Amino acid sequence: MTKIGIGQDSHRFDKDNSKPLILGGIKVSPRGGLKANSDGDVILHSLCNALSSAMGGDSLGTWADEMCLKQGIKDSKKYVEYIFNKIREQKYRVENISISVEVKTPRLSLEIIKKIKKTIGKLLAIKTNQVGITFTSGKGLTAFGRGEGIQVFTIVNFVHND
């Protein structure tokens, strides 16, 4: 059986500019982070929503808020590990992931994008060529294209290990 999930997440940039920007598990910049209780990793949050959706689960906040607010876990990689363990328990494996990011700035180098793909691949036990990431500025048509924050959509496909 094949399962497909779609996830979305978005965050505004933190106005005090003291928080690091974390995307896809990688510290992209020491400043310019996103407003969130956690590390604000909008890419991994969108991925969590896609993974949970495909399993018939709930939004990230219904289970990650417990981890973040009550257990003090702010690293979004831990949220991915949590939901991925549930997928493994049901004997599924990830086939591929497609991630679309809308942001005016920062523009990420290919080197950073490769690091993000490697991190996601490691988290989900897949190869980097099974992780696609595209970026768009939105040409200023949305708050994200105007530089107010970052929005991410993720589609995930996984299959049952027969």
N, C-alpha and C. Protein backbone atom coordinates (compact mmCIF):
# COMPACT_ATOMS: atom_id res chain seq x y z
N MET A 1 0.84 -1.18 0.00
CA MET A 1 0.00 0.00 0.00
C MET A 1 0.88 1.24 0.00
N THR A 2 0.50 2.22 -0.79
CA THR A 2 1.18 3.50 -0.87
C THR A 2 0.37 4.54 -0.11
N LYS A 3 1.07 5.40 0.61
CA LYS A 3 0.42 6.51 1.31
C LYS A 3 1.09 7.81 0.88
N ILE A 4 0.27 8.84 0.74
CA ILE A 4 0.75 10.16 0.35
C ILE A 4 0.23 11.18 1.36
N GLY A 5 1.09 12.10 1.76
CA GLY A 5 0.67 13.14 2.69
C GLY A 5 1.16 14.49 2.22
N ILE A 6 0.41 15.51 2.55
CA ILE A 6 0.82 16.88 2.27
C ILE A 6 0.87 17.64 3.59
N GLY A 7 1.89 18.46 3.73
CA GLY A 7 2.04 19.26 4.93
C GLY A 7 2.37 20.69 4.57
N GLN A 8 2.00 21.60 5.42
CA GLN A 8 2.29 23.02 5.23
C GLN A 8 2.66 23.60 6.57
N ASP A 9 3.53 24.58 6.55
CA ASP A 9 3.81 25.35 7.74
C ASP A 9 4.36 26.71 7.31
N SER A 10 4.17 27.70 8.15
CA SER A 10 4.71 29.03 7.88
C SER A 10 4.97 29.73 9.20
N HIS A 11 5.98 30.58 9.18
CA HIS A 11 6.33 31.38 10.35
C HIS A 11 6.79 32.76 9.90
N ARG A 12 6.52 33.75 10.73
CA ARG A 12 7.05 35.10 10.54
C ARG A 12 8.49 35.13 11.04
N PHE A 13 9.26 36.06 10.50
CA PHE A 13 10.59 36.29 11.05
C PHE A 13 10.44 36.93 12.42
N ASP A 14 11.30 36.54 13.35
CA ASP A 14 11.31 37.09 14.70
C ASP A 14 11.87 38.50 14.65
N LYS A 15 11.12 39.46 15.15
CA LYS A 15 11.50 40.87 15.03
C LYS A 15 12.75 41.23 15.82
N ASP A 16 13.03 40.53 16.93
CA ASP A 16 14.21 40.92 17.71
C ASP A 16 15.52 40.45 17.06
N ASN A 17 15.42 39.58 16.06
CA ASN A 17 16.56 39.19 15.22
C ASN A 17 17.71 38.55 15.98
N SER A 18 17.44 38.00 17.17
CA SER A 18 18.52 37.38 17.95
C SER A 18 18.53 35.86 17.83
N LYS A 19 17.48 35.31 17.27
CA LYS A 19 17.34 33.87 17.16
C LYS A 19 18.01 33.38 15.87
N PRO A 20 18.69 32.23 15.92
CA PRO A 20 19.29 31.71 14.67
C PRO A 20 18.21 31.22 13.70
N LEU A 21 18.52 31.26 12.43
CA LEU A 21 17.63 30.73 11.40
C LEU A 21 18.01 29.28 11.14
N ILE A 22 17.08 28.39 11.45
CA ILE A 22 17.26 26.95 11.26
C ILE A 22 16.31 26.51 10.17
N LEU A 23 16.83 25.87 9.13
CA LEU A 23 16.00 25.35 8.04
C LEU A 23 16.46 23.94 7.70
N GLY A 24 15.52 23.01 7.74
CA GLY A 24 15.85 21.63 7.40
C GLY A 24 16.90 21.02 8.30
N GLY A 25 16.93 21.46 9.56
CA GLY A 25 17.88 20.94 10.52
C GLY A 25 19.25 21.57 10.45
N ILE A 26 19.43 22.57 9.61
CA ILE A 26 20.72 23.23 9.41
C ILE A 26 20.64 24.67 9.91
N LYS A 27 21.65 25.10 10.67
CA LYS A 27 21.73 26.49 11.10
C LYS A 27 22.22 27.30 9.91
N VAL A 28 21.29 28.00 9.27
CA VAL A 28 21.57 28.77 8.06
C VAL A 28 22.25 30.10 8.40
N SER A 29 21.86 30.69 9.54
CA SER A 29 22.38 31.99 9.93
C SER A 29 22.27 32.12 11.45
N PRO A 30 23.22 32.82 12.09
CA PRO A 30 23.13 33.02 13.54
C PRO A 30 22.01 33.98 13.95
N ARG A 31 21.48 34.72 12.98
CA ARG A 31 20.40 35.68 13.22
C ARG A 31 19.33 35.51 12.14
N GLY A 32 18.20 36.15 12.34
CA GLY A 32 17.15 36.11 11.33
C GLY A 32 16.22 34.93 11.45
N GLY A 33 16.11 34.38 12.67
CA GLY A 33 15.27 33.21 12.91
C GLY A 33 13.79 33.52 12.84
N LEU A 34 13.01 32.47 12.97
CA LEU A 34 11.56 32.56 12.84
C LEU A 34 10.89 32.54 14.20
N LYS A 35 9.79 33.26 14.30
CA LYS A 35 9.03 33.35 15.55
C LYS A 35 8.34 32.00 15.80
N ALA A 36 8.69 31.39 16.92
CA ALA A 36 8.12 30.08 17.28
C ALA A 36 8.54 29.73 18.70
N ASN A 37 7.81 28.84 19.33
CA ASN A 37 8.21 28.33 20.64
C ASN A 37 9.41 27.39 20.50
N SER A 38 9.48 26.69 19.38
CA SER A 38 10.57 25.77 19.11
C SER A 38 11.67 26.52 18.36
N ASP A 39 12.52 25.76 17.66
CA ASP A 39 13.56 26.40 16.85
C ASP A 39 12.99 27.06 15.60
N GLY A 40 11.70 26.85 15.32
CA GLY A 40 11.04 27.50 14.19
C GLY A 40 11.40 26.93 12.84
N ASP A 41 11.90 25.70 12.80
CA ASP A 41 12.33 25.08 11.54
C ASP A 41 11.12 24.75 10.68
N VAL A 42 10.71 25.71 9.88
CA VAL A 42 9.50 25.62 9.06
C VAL A 42 9.56 24.46 8.07
N ILE A 43 10.74 24.11 7.58
CA ILE A 43 10.86 22.98 6.65
C ILE A 43 10.55 21.68 7.37
N LEU A 44 11.15 21.46 8.54
CA LEU A 44 10.88 20.21 9.26
C LEU A 44 9.46 20.17 9.81
N HIS A 45 8.89 21.32 10.15
CA HIS A 45 7.50 21.34 10.63
C HIS A 45 6.55 20.92 9.50
N SER A 46 6.78 21.44 8.31
CA SER A 46 5.97 21.04 7.16
C SER A 46 6.13 19.56 6.87
N LEU A 47 7.35 19.06 6.98
CA LEU A 47 7.62 17.63 6.78
C LEU A 47 6.86 16.80 7.81
N CYS A 48 6.88 17.20 9.07
CA CYS A 48 6.14 16.48 10.11
C CYS A 48 4.66 16.43 9.79
N ASN A 49 4.10 17.55 9.35
CA ASN A 49 2.68 17.58 9.01
C ASN A 49 2.38 16.64 7.85
N ALA A 50 3.26 16.57 6.86
CA ALA A 50 3.05 15.67 5.72
C ALA A 50 3.12 14.21 6.17
N LEU A 51 4.11 13.88 6.98
CA LEU A 51 4.26 12.50 7.46
C LEU A 51 3.06 12.08 8.31
N SER A 52 2.64 12.96 9.21
CA SER A 52 1.50 12.66 10.06
C SER A 52 0.22 12.54 9.25
N SER A 53 0.05 13.42 8.27
CA SER A 53 -1.14 13.39 7.41
C SER A 53 -1.25 12.07 6.66
N ALA A 54 -0.14 11.61 6.13
CA ALA A 54 -0.15 10.37 5.36
C ALA A 54 -0.54 9.16 6.22
N MET A 55 -0.25 9.24 7.50
CA MET A 55 -0.59 8.14 8.41
C MET A 55 -1.99 8.30 9.01
N GLY A 56 -2.71 9.33 8.58
CA GLY A 56 -4.04 9.58 9.14
C GLY A 56 -3.97 10.26 10.49
N GLY A 57 -2.83 10.89 10.77
CA GLY A 57 -2.62 11.54 12.06
C GLY A 57 -3.06 12.98 12.08
N ASP A 58 -2.63 13.66 13.12
CA ASP A 58 -3.03 15.03 13.38
C ASP A 58 -1.91 16.02 13.03
N SER A 59 -2.22 17.29 13.16
CA SER A 59 -1.26 18.36 12.91
C SER A 59 -0.12 18.30 13.93
N LEU A 60 1.00 18.81 13.52
CA LEU A 60 2.21 18.86 14.34
C LEU A 60 1.94 19.37 15.75
N GLY A 61 1.19 20.44 15.87
CA GLY A 61 0.95 21.06 17.18
C GLY A 61 0.25 20.16 18.17
N THR A 62 -0.53 19.20 17.70
CA THR A 62 -1.28 18.34 18.62
C THR A 62 -0.38 17.42 19.42
N TRP A 63 0.83 17.14 18.92
CA TRP A 63 1.75 16.30 19.69
C TRP A 63 3.09 16.98 19.96
N ALA A 64 3.55 17.86 19.09
CA ALA A 64 4.85 18.51 19.30
C ALA A 64 4.78 19.59 20.37
N ASP A 65 3.62 20.21 20.57
CA ASP A 65 3.51 21.21 21.63
C ASP A 65 3.82 20.58 22.99
N GLU A 66 3.38 19.36 23.19
CA GLU A 66 3.70 18.63 24.43
C GLU A 66 5.21 18.49 24.57
N MET A 67 5.86 18.10 23.49
CA MET A 67 7.31 17.91 23.51
C MET A 67 8.02 19.24 23.76
N CYS A 68 7.56 20.29 23.11
CA CYS A 68 8.21 21.60 23.19
C CYS A 68 7.92 22.30 24.52
N LEU A 69 6.65 22.50 24.81
CA LEU A 69 6.27 23.32 25.94
C LEU A 69 6.38 22.62 27.29
N LYS A 70 6.13 21.32 27.33
CA LYS A 70 6.17 20.61 28.61
C LYS A 70 7.47 19.87 28.85
N GLN A 71 8.10 19.38 27.75
CA GLN A 71 9.35 18.64 27.91
C GLN A 71 10.57 19.49 27.55
N GLY A 72 10.35 20.68 27.00
CA GLY A 72 11.45 21.58 26.67
C GLY A 72 12.22 21.20 25.42
N ILE A 73 11.66 20.34 24.57
CA ILE A 73 12.34 19.91 23.34
C ILE A 73 12.04 20.92 22.26
N LYS A 74 13.05 21.68 21.85
CA LYS A 74 12.87 22.73 20.85
C LYS A 74 13.48 22.37 19.50
N ASP A 75 14.28 21.32 19.44
CA ASP A 75 14.93 20.87 18.22
C ASP A 75 13.91 20.12 17.34
N SER A 76 13.57 20.69 16.20
CA SER A 76 12.56 20.10 15.32
C SER A 76 12.97 18.75 14.75
N LYS A 77 14.24 18.44 14.75
CA LYS A 77 14.67 17.09 14.31
C LYS A 77 14.05 16.03 15.22
N LYS A 78 13.87 16.35 16.48
CA LYS A 78 13.25 15.41 17.43
C LYS A 78 11.78 15.16 17.08
N TYR A 79 11.10 16.17 16.54
CA TYR A 79 9.71 16.00 16.13
C TYR A 79 9.63 15.05 14.92
N VAL A 80 10.58 15.21 13.99
CA VAL A 80 10.63 14.32 12.83
C VAL A 80 10.90 12.89 13.30
N GLU A 81 11.85 12.72 14.21
CA GLU A 81 12.16 11.38 14.72
C GLU A 81 10.93 10.75 15.37
N TYR A 82 10.18 11.54 16.12
CA TYR A 82 8.98 11.03 16.79
C TYR A 82 7.97 10.49 15.78
N ILE A 83 7.63 11.29 14.78
CA ILE A 83 6.60 10.85 13.83
C ILE A 83 7.14 9.75 12.92
N PHE A 84 8.42 9.79 12.58
CA PHE A 84 9.00 8.75 11.74
C PHE A 84 9.01 7.40 12.47
N ASN A 85 9.21 7.41 13.77
CA ASN A 85 9.13 6.15 14.54
C ASN A 85 7.74 5.55 14.46
N LYS A 86 6.72 6.38 14.46
CA LYS A 86 5.34 5.88 14.33
C LYS A 86 5.13 5.23 12.95
N ILE A 87 5.73 5.83 11.93
CA ILE A 87 5.63 5.28 10.57
C ILE A 87 6.34 3.93 10.50
N ARG A 88 7.51 3.85 11.09
CA ARG A 88 8.26 2.59 11.11
C ARG A 88 7.52 1.50 11.88
N GLU A 89 6.88 1.88 12.98
CA GLU A 89 6.10 0.91 13.77
C GLU A 89 5.01 0.26 12.93
N GLN A 90 4.47 0.99 11.97
CA GLN A 90 3.43 0.46 11.10
C GLN A 90 4.01 -0.15 9.82
N LYS A 91 5.34 -0.31 9.82
CA LYS A 91 6.06 -1.02 8.74
C LYS A 91 6.02 -0.30 7.39
N TYR A 92 6.14 1.03 7.43
CA TYR A 92 6.23 1.81 6.19
C TYR A 92 7.64 2.36 6.03
N ARG A 93 8.00 2.67 4.79
CA ARG A 93 9.26 3.35 4.49
C ARG A 93 8.99 4.48 3.51
N VAL A 94 9.75 5.54 3.67
CA VAL A 94 9.60 6.72 2.82
C VAL A 94 10.21 6.44 1.46
N GLU A 95 9.47 6.77 0.40
CA GLU A 95 9.95 6.62 -0.98
C GLU A 95 10.56 7.92 -1.48
N ASN A 96 9.83 9.01 -1.31
CA ASN A 96 10.37 10.30 -1.72
C ASN A 96 9.61 11.45 -1.07
N ILE A 97 10.29 12.61 -1.09
CA ILE A 97 9.75 13.82 -0.48
C ILE A 97 9.96 14.96 -1.46
N SER A 98 8.96 15.82 -1.57
CA SER A 98 9.07 17.04 -2.37
C SER A 98 8.74 18.22 -1.47
N ILE A 99 9.66 19.17 -1.40
CA ILE A 99 9.51 20.32 -0.53
C ILE A 99 9.56 21.59 -1.37
N SER A 100 8.58 22.48 -1.17
CA SER A 100 8.55 23.76 -1.87
C SER A 100 8.56 24.88 -0.85
N VAL A 101 9.56 25.77 -0.96
CA VAL A 101 9.76 26.85 0.00
C VAL A 101 9.49 28.18 -0.68
N GLU A 102 8.66 29.01 -0.05
CA GLU A 102 8.45 30.37 -0.55
C GLU A 102 9.05 31.35 0.44
N VAL A 103 10.05 32.09 -0.05
CA VAL A 103 10.76 33.05 0.79
C VAL A 103 11.48 34.06 -0.10
N LYS A 104 11.45 35.31 0.30
CA LYS A 104 12.19 36.34 -0.45
C LYS A 104 13.68 36.26 -0.14
N THR A 105 14.00 36.29 1.14
CA THR A 105 15.38 36.14 1.59
C THR A 105 15.37 35.33 2.87
N PRO A 106 16.34 34.53 3.15
CA PRO A 106 17.61 34.44 2.44
C PRO A 106 17.52 33.54 1.21
N ARG A 107 18.40 33.78 0.29
CA ARG A 107 18.58 32.87 -0.84
C ARG A 107 19.65 31.88 -0.41
N LEU A 108 19.31 30.61 -0.45
CA LEU A 108 20.23 29.59 0.04
C LEU A 108 21.14 29.09 -1.08
N SER A 109 22.38 28.85 -0.73
CA SER A 109 23.34 28.31 -1.69
C SER A 109 23.04 26.84 -1.94
N LEU A 110 23.54 26.32 -3.05
CA LEU A 110 23.39 24.90 -3.34
C LEU A 110 24.05 24.05 -2.26
N GLU A 111 25.12 24.55 -1.68
CA GLU A 111 25.82 23.83 -0.61
C GLU A 111 24.90 23.65 0.61
N ILE A 112 24.20 24.71 1.01
CA ILE A 112 23.27 24.63 2.14
C ILE A 112 22.11 23.69 1.80
N ILE A 113 21.58 23.79 0.59
CA ILE A 113 20.48 22.92 0.18
C ILE A 113 20.91 21.46 0.22
N LYS A 114 22.13 21.17 -0.21
CA LYS A 114 22.64 19.79 -0.14
C LYS A 114 22.73 19.32 1.31
N LYS A 115 23.12 20.20 2.22
CA LYS A 115 23.20 19.85 3.65
C LYS A 115 21.80 19.56 4.20
N ILE A 116 20.83 20.36 3.80
CA ILE A 116 19.45 20.13 4.24
C ILE A 116 18.96 18.78 3.74
N LYS A 117 19.20 18.49 2.46
CA LYS A 117 18.77 17.21 1.90
C LYS A 117 19.45 16.04 2.63
N LYS A 118 20.72 16.20 2.95
CA LYS A 118 21.45 15.15 3.66
C LYS A 118 20.86 14.93 5.06
N THR A 119 20.55 16.01 5.74
CA THR A 119 19.96 15.92 7.09
C THR A 119 18.61 15.23 7.04
N ILE A 120 17.76 15.63 6.10
CA ILE A 120 16.43 15.01 5.98
C ILE A 120 16.58 13.54 5.59
N GLY A 121 17.49 13.24 4.67
CA GLY A 121 17.73 11.85 4.28
C GLY A 121 18.14 11.00 5.46
N LYS A 122 19.02 11.54 6.29
CA LYS A 122 19.48 10.80 7.47
C LYS A 122 18.34 10.58 8.46
N LEU A 123 17.52 11.62 8.67
CA LEU A 123 16.39 11.50 9.60
C LEU A 123 15.38 10.44 9.16
N LEU A 124 15.21 10.28 7.84
CA LEU A 124 14.18 9.38 7.31
C LEU A 124 14.74 8.12 6.66
N ALA A 125 16.04 7.90 6.83
CA ALA A 125 16.70 6.69 6.31
C ALA A 125 16.51 6.54 4.80
N ILE A 126 16.70 7.66 4.07
CA ILE A 126 16.61 7.64 2.61
C ILE A 126 17.83 8.35 2.02
N LYS A 127 18.00 8.22 0.72
CA LYS A 127 19.11 8.87 0.02
C LYS A 127 18.74 10.32 -0.29
N THR A 128 19.76 11.15 -0.49
CA THR A 128 19.50 12.56 -0.77
C THR A 128 18.76 12.76 -2.09
N ASN A 129 18.91 11.83 -3.04
CA ASN A 129 18.19 11.99 -4.31
C ASN A 129 16.71 11.63 -4.18
N GLN A 130 16.28 11.25 -2.99
CA GLN A 130 14.86 11.01 -2.73
C GLN A 130 14.21 12.23 -2.07
N VAL A 131 14.99 13.29 -1.92
CA VAL A 131 14.51 14.54 -1.30
C VAL A 131 14.67 15.66 -2.33
N GLY A 132 13.56 16.22 -2.78
CA GLY A 132 13.59 17.36 -3.69
C GLY A 132 13.20 18.62 -2.95
N ILE A 133 13.95 19.69 -3.19
CA ILE A 133 13.66 20.98 -2.56
C ILE A 133 13.71 22.06 -3.62
N THR A 134 12.62 22.82 -3.74
CA THR A 134 12.58 23.96 -4.65
C THR A 134 12.29 25.22 -3.87
N PHE A 135 12.76 26.34 -4.39
CA PHE A 135 12.56 27.64 -3.76
C PHE A 135 11.94 28.60 -4.75
N THR A 136 11.07 29.46 -4.24
CA THR A 136 10.48 30.52 -5.05
C THR A 136 10.36 31.77 -4.19
N SER A 137 10.45 32.91 -4.81
CA SER A 137 10.28 34.17 -4.08
C SER A 137 8.83 34.60 -4.05
N GLY A 138 8.01 34.02 -4.91
CA GLY A 138 6.62 34.45 -4.98
C GLY A 138 6.44 35.80 -5.62
N LYS A 139 7.51 36.38 -6.09
CA LYS A 139 7.47 37.68 -6.79
C LYS A 139 6.76 38.76 -6.01
N GLY A 140 6.82 38.65 -4.68
CA GLY A 140 6.24 39.70 -3.84
C GLY A 140 4.73 39.67 -3.73
N LEU A 141 4.09 38.60 -4.20
CA LEU A 141 2.63 38.53 -4.19
C LEU A 141 2.04 38.15 -2.83
N THR A 142 2.86 37.55 -1.96
CA THR A 142 2.39 37.14 -0.64
C THR A 142 3.30 37.74 0.43
N ALA A 143 2.92 37.57 1.68
CA ALA A 143 3.75 38.03 2.79
C ALA A 143 5.13 37.37 2.73
N PHE A 144 5.18 36.14 2.27
CA PHE A 144 6.45 35.41 2.20
C PHE A 144 7.32 35.97 1.07
N GLY A 145 6.71 36.29 -0.03
CA GLY A 145 7.43 36.90 -1.14
C GLY A 145 7.86 38.33 -0.87
N ARG A 146 7.23 38.95 0.13
CA ARG A 146 7.60 40.31 0.54
C ARG A 146 8.65 40.29 1.65
N GLY A 147 9.04 39.10 2.10
CA GLY A 147 10.09 39.00 3.11
C GLY A 147 9.64 39.03 4.55
N GLU A 148 8.36 38.76 4.81
CA GLU A 148 7.85 38.80 6.17
C GLU A 148 8.00 37.48 6.91
N GLY A 149 8.27 36.40 6.17
CA GLY A 149 8.39 35.09 6.78
C GLY A 149 8.70 34.04 5.73
N ILE A 150 8.49 32.79 6.11
CA ILE A 150 8.76 31.67 5.21
C ILE A 150 7.56 30.72 5.25
N GLN A 151 7.16 30.24 4.08
CA GLN A 151 6.10 29.24 3.96
C GLN A 151 6.66 28.03 3.23
N VAL A 152 6.26 26.84 3.69
CA VAL A 152 6.74 25.60 3.09
C VAL A 152 5.58 24.63 2.90
N PHE A 153 5.56 23.98 1.74
CA PHE A 153 4.66 22.87 1.46
C PHE A 153 5.50 21.63 1.23
N THR A 154 5.07 20.50 1.77
CA THR A 154 5.79 19.24 1.61
C THR A 154 4.82 18.14 1.22
N ILE A 155 5.24 17.35 0.25
CA ILE A 155 4.51 16.14 -0.12
C ILE A 155 5.43 14.96 0.14
N VAL A 156 4.89 13.94 0.77
CA VAL A 156 5.67 12.74 1.08
C VAL A 156 4.92 11.52 0.54
N ASN A 157 5.69 10.57 0.07
CA ASN A 157 5.15 9.31 -0.44
C ASN A 157 5.87 8.18 0.28
N PHE A 158 5.10 7.27 0.88
CA PHE A 158 5.75 6.10 1.45
C PHE A 158 4.94 4.84 1.20
N VAL A 159 5.62 3.71 1.30
CA VAL A 159 5.04 2.42 0.96
C VAL A 159 5.23 1.46 2.13
N HIS A 160 4.37 0.46 2.14
CA HIS A 160 4.44 -0.57 3.17
C HIS A 160 5.55 -1.54 2.85
N ASN A 161 6.32 -1.92 3.86
CA ASN A 161 7.37 -2.93 3.69
C ASN A 161 6.71 -4.31 3.70
N ASP A 162 6.53 -4.89 2.55
CA ASP A 162 5.89 -6.21 2.46
C ASP A 162 6.88 -7.32 2.71
